Amino acid sequence: MTKVAEPQFIESTAGQVAAELTRRGIAPDRHVTITIEPDDWLAEVRRYSRPKVIEAGWSDEDIDRLIKQAQEEVEPGRR
């Protein structure tokens, strides 16, 4: 059975993208997809979800913990 390659997720600044790809050994002619997040996307999401989180009895720390847990599941050893 052929092993299916998993996508890699790289978090970096715009100025460091090329250096990070080089550091990881990714050839300059290899196709990559880059997602550019809005500067304030996390603030917008928190502002929208905060009342719902409070209503459910959760804190920002609870959400941060769940996010970190999910990141570790997706990218083991990321820290």
N, C-alpha and C. Protein backbone atom coordinates (compact mmCIF):
# COMPACT_ATOMS: atom_id res chain seq x y z
N MET A 1 0.85 -1.17 0.00
CA MET A 1 0.00 0.00 0.00
C MET A 1 0.90 1.24 0.00
N THR A 2 0.55 2.24 -0.77
CA THR A 2 1.32 3.47 -0.88
C THR A 2 0.98 4.40 0.27
N LYS A 3 2.01 4.98 0.87
CA LYS A 3 1.80 5.93 1.95
C LYS A 3 1.38 7.28 1.36
N VAL A 4 0.33 7.88 1.90
CA VAL A 4 -0.15 9.17 1.45
C VAL A 4 0.62 10.26 2.19
N ALA A 5 1.20 11.19 1.44
CA ALA A 5 1.96 12.27 2.06
C ALA A 5 1.01 13.26 2.72
N GLU A 6 1.36 13.66 3.92
CA GLU A 6 0.58 14.64 4.65
C GLU A 6 1.08 16.03 4.31
N PRO A 7 0.17 17.02 4.25
CA PRO A 7 0.63 18.38 3.99
C PRO A 7 1.44 18.91 5.17
N GLN A 8 2.34 19.82 4.88
CA GLN A 8 3.12 20.48 5.93
C GLN A 8 2.55 21.87 6.14
N PHE A 9 2.48 22.30 7.37
CA PHE A 9 2.03 23.64 7.68
C PHE A 9 3.20 24.40 8.28
N ILE A 10 3.54 25.51 7.67
CA ILE A 10 4.66 26.33 8.11
C ILE A 10 4.11 27.69 8.49
N GLU A 11 4.42 28.12 9.69
CA GLU A 11 4.00 29.44 10.12
C GLU A 11 5.24 30.33 10.11
N SER A 12 5.18 31.43 9.38
CA SER A 12 6.35 32.30 9.22
C SER A 12 5.89 33.71 8.88
N THR A 13 6.84 34.62 8.84
CA THR A 13 6.53 35.97 8.37
C THR A 13 6.78 36.03 6.88
N ALA A 14 6.19 37.02 6.22
CA ALA A 14 6.37 37.18 4.78
C ALA A 14 7.86 37.30 4.43
N GLY A 15 8.59 38.02 5.24
CA GLY A 15 10.01 38.24 4.96
C GLY A 15 10.87 37.00 5.14
N GLN A 16 10.37 36.01 5.85
CA GLN A 16 11.16 34.82 6.14
C GLN A 16 10.71 33.57 5.39
N VAL A 17 9.71 33.69 4.52
CA VAL A 17 9.17 32.52 3.83
C VAL A 17 10.25 31.80 3.02
N ALA A 18 10.96 32.51 2.16
CA ALA A 18 11.97 31.87 1.30
C ALA A 18 13.04 31.19 2.14
N ALA A 19 13.50 31.86 3.20
CA ALA A 19 14.53 31.28 4.05
C ALA A 19 14.03 30.02 4.75
N GLU A 20 12.79 30.04 5.19
CA GLU A 20 12.22 28.87 5.87
C GLU A 20 12.08 27.69 4.90
N LEU A 21 11.63 27.97 3.69
CA LEU A 21 11.52 26.89 2.70
C LEU A 21 12.88 26.31 2.38
N THR A 22 13.88 27.17 2.23
CA THR A 22 15.25 26.71 1.97
C THR A 22 15.75 25.87 3.13
N ARG A 23 15.50 26.35 4.35
CA ARG A 23 15.94 25.62 5.55
C ARG A 23 15.35 24.22 5.60
N ARG A 24 14.15 24.07 5.11
CA ARG A 24 13.47 22.76 5.12
C ARG A 24 13.82 21.91 3.90
N GLY A 25 14.67 22.45 3.02
CA GLY A 25 15.10 21.69 1.86
C GLY A 25 14.09 21.63 0.73
N ILE A 26 13.20 22.58 0.69
CA ILE A 26 12.18 22.62 -0.36
C ILE A 26 12.77 23.34 -1.57
N ALA A 27 12.78 22.67 -2.70
CA ALA A 27 13.39 23.21 -3.92
C ALA A 27 12.67 24.49 -4.37
N PRO A 28 13.43 25.45 -4.90
CA PRO A 28 12.84 26.72 -5.33
C PRO A 28 11.77 26.57 -6.42
N ASP A 29 11.81 25.49 -7.20
CA ASP A 29 10.82 25.32 -8.26
C ASP A 29 9.62 24.46 -7.83
N ARG A 30 9.58 24.05 -6.57
CA ARG A 30 8.46 23.25 -6.07
C ARG A 30 7.25 24.14 -5.81
N HIS A 31 6.09 23.65 -6.19
CA HIS A 31 4.85 24.41 -5.98
C HIS A 31 4.50 24.45 -4.50
N VAL A 32 4.18 25.63 -4.00
CA VAL A 32 3.71 25.81 -2.62
C VAL A 32 2.47 26.70 -2.65
N THR A 33 1.66 26.57 -1.64
CA THR A 33 0.49 27.43 -1.48
C THR A 33 0.68 28.22 -0.19
N ILE A 34 0.49 29.52 -0.27
CA ILE A 34 0.66 30.38 0.89
C ILE A 34 -0.68 31.04 1.21
N THR A 35 -1.08 30.99 2.46
CA THR A 35 -2.29 31.65 2.91
C THR A 35 -1.89 32.88 3.70
N ILE A 36 -2.46 34.00 3.35
CA ILE A 36 -2.17 35.24 4.06
C ILE A 36 -3.36 35.56 4.94
N GLU A 37 -3.12 35.55 6.24
CA GLU A 37 -4.19 35.82 7.19
C GLU A 37 -4.34 37.32 7.39
N PRO A 38 -5.57 37.79 7.53
CA PRO A 38 -5.76 39.21 7.86
C PRO A 38 -5.07 39.52 9.18
N ASP A 39 -4.55 40.71 9.31
CA ASP A 39 -3.82 41.09 10.51
C ASP A 39 -4.61 40.88 11.79
N ASP A 40 -5.88 41.13 11.74
CA ASP A 40 -6.67 41.07 12.96
C ASP A 40 -7.70 39.94 12.98
N TRP A 41 -7.44 38.88 12.24
CA TRP A 41 -8.43 37.80 12.15
C TRP A 41 -8.71 37.15 13.50
N LEU A 42 -7.67 36.97 14.33
CA LEU A 42 -7.88 36.33 15.62
C LEU A 42 -8.70 37.23 16.53
N ALA A 43 -8.42 38.53 16.50
CA ALA A 43 -9.20 39.47 17.31
C ALA A 43 -10.67 39.46 16.89
N GLU A 44 -10.90 39.41 15.58
CA GLU A 44 -12.28 39.38 15.09
C GLU A 44 -13.00 38.11 15.54
N VAL A 45 -12.32 37.00 15.46
CA VAL A 45 -12.93 35.72 15.86
C VAL A 45 -13.23 35.73 17.36
N ARG A 46 -12.27 36.20 18.14
CA ARG A 46 -12.50 36.26 19.60
C ARG A 46 -13.66 37.20 19.94
N ARG A 47 -13.74 38.35 19.29
CA ARG A 47 -14.81 39.32 19.55
C ARG A 47 -16.18 38.69 19.24
N TYR A 48 -16.24 37.92 18.17
CA TYR A 48 -17.48 37.26 17.79
C TYR A 48 -17.84 36.13 18.76
N SER A 49 -16.81 35.35 19.15
CA SER A 49 -17.08 34.15 19.92
C SER A 49 -17.08 34.36 21.43
N ARG A 50 -16.48 35.46 21.89
CA ARG A 50 -16.34 35.67 23.34
C ARG A 50 -17.67 35.57 24.10
N PRO A 51 -18.74 36.24 23.66
CA PRO A 51 -20.00 36.10 24.40
C PRO A 51 -20.49 34.65 24.48
N LYS A 52 -20.29 33.90 23.42
CA LYS A 52 -20.71 32.49 23.42
C LYS A 52 -19.84 31.66 24.36
N VAL A 53 -18.55 31.98 24.40
CA VAL A 53 -17.62 31.26 25.28
C VAL A 53 -17.99 31.53 26.74
N ILE A 54 -18.24 32.79 27.07
CA ILE A 54 -18.61 33.16 28.44
C ILE A 54 -19.93 32.49 28.83
N GLU A 55 -20.89 32.51 27.91
CA GLU A 55 -22.18 31.89 28.17
C GLU A 55 -22.04 30.40 28.47
N ALA A 56 -21.09 29.76 27.79
CA ALA A 56 -20.86 28.33 28.00
C ALA A 56 -20.01 28.04 29.23
N GLY A 57 -19.51 29.12 29.88
CA GLY A 57 -18.71 28.93 31.09
C GLY A 57 -17.24 28.67 30.82
N TRP A 58 -16.76 28.98 29.63
CA TRP A 58 -15.36 28.78 29.26
C TRP A 58 -14.61 30.10 29.34
N SER A 59 -13.29 30.00 29.51
CA SER A 59 -12.45 31.19 29.55
C SER A 59 -11.55 31.22 28.32
N ASP A 60 -10.90 32.37 28.12
CA ASP A 60 -9.92 32.47 27.03
C ASP A 60 -8.81 31.43 27.20
N GLU A 61 -8.43 31.18 28.45
CA GLU A 61 -7.40 30.19 28.72
C GLU A 61 -7.84 28.79 28.28
N ASP A 62 -9.12 28.48 28.48
CA ASP A 62 -9.64 27.19 28.02
C ASP A 62 -9.52 27.08 26.51
N ILE A 63 -9.89 28.14 25.81
CA ILE A 63 -9.81 28.14 24.34
C ILE A 63 -8.36 28.02 23.89
N ASP A 64 -7.45 28.79 24.51
CA ASP A 64 -6.03 28.72 24.16
C ASP A 64 -5.49 27.31 24.36
N ARG A 65 -5.90 26.67 25.46
CA ARG A 65 -5.45 25.30 25.73
C ARG A 65 -5.95 24.34 24.66
N LEU A 66 -7.20 24.49 24.25
CA LEU A 66 -7.75 23.63 23.21
C LEU A 66 -7.06 23.85 21.86
N ILE A 67 -6.75 25.11 21.56
CA ILE A 67 -6.04 25.41 20.31
C ILE A 67 -4.66 24.76 20.33
N LYS A 68 -3.94 24.91 21.42
CA LYS A 68 -2.60 24.31 21.52
C LYS A 68 -2.67 22.79 21.43
N GLN A 69 -3.68 22.21 22.06
CA GLN A 69 -3.86 20.76 21.99
C GLN A 69 -4.11 20.32 20.54
N ALA A 70 -4.96 21.04 19.83
CA ALA A 70 -5.26 20.70 18.43
C ALA A 70 -4.02 20.87 17.56
N GLN A 71 -3.23 21.93 17.80
CA GLN A 71 -2.00 22.14 17.04
C GLN A 71 -1.03 20.98 17.25
N GLU A 72 -0.92 20.52 18.49
CA GLU A 72 -0.02 19.41 18.79
C GLU A 72 -0.49 18.13 18.10
N GLU A 73 -1.80 17.94 18.01
CA GLU A 73 -2.33 16.76 17.31
C GLU A 73 -2.02 16.82 15.81
N VAL A 74 -2.08 18.01 15.25
CA VAL A 74 -1.83 18.18 13.82
C VAL A 74 -0.33 18.20 13.51
N GLU A 75 0.42 18.88 14.37
CA GLU A 75 1.86 19.04 14.17
C GLU A 75 2.62 18.59 15.42
N PRO A 76 2.76 17.29 15.64
CA PRO A 76 3.46 16.81 16.84
C PRO A 76 4.87 17.40 16.94
N GLY A 77 5.25 17.78 18.15
CA GLY A 77 6.59 18.32 18.38
C GLY A 77 6.79 19.73 17.88
N ARG A 78 5.72 20.44 17.64
CA ARG A 78 5.79 21.80 17.07
C ARG A 78 6.48 22.78 18.01
N ARG A 79 6.30 22.63 19.28
CA ARG A 79 6.81 23.60 20.25
C ARG A 79 8.27 23.64 20.31
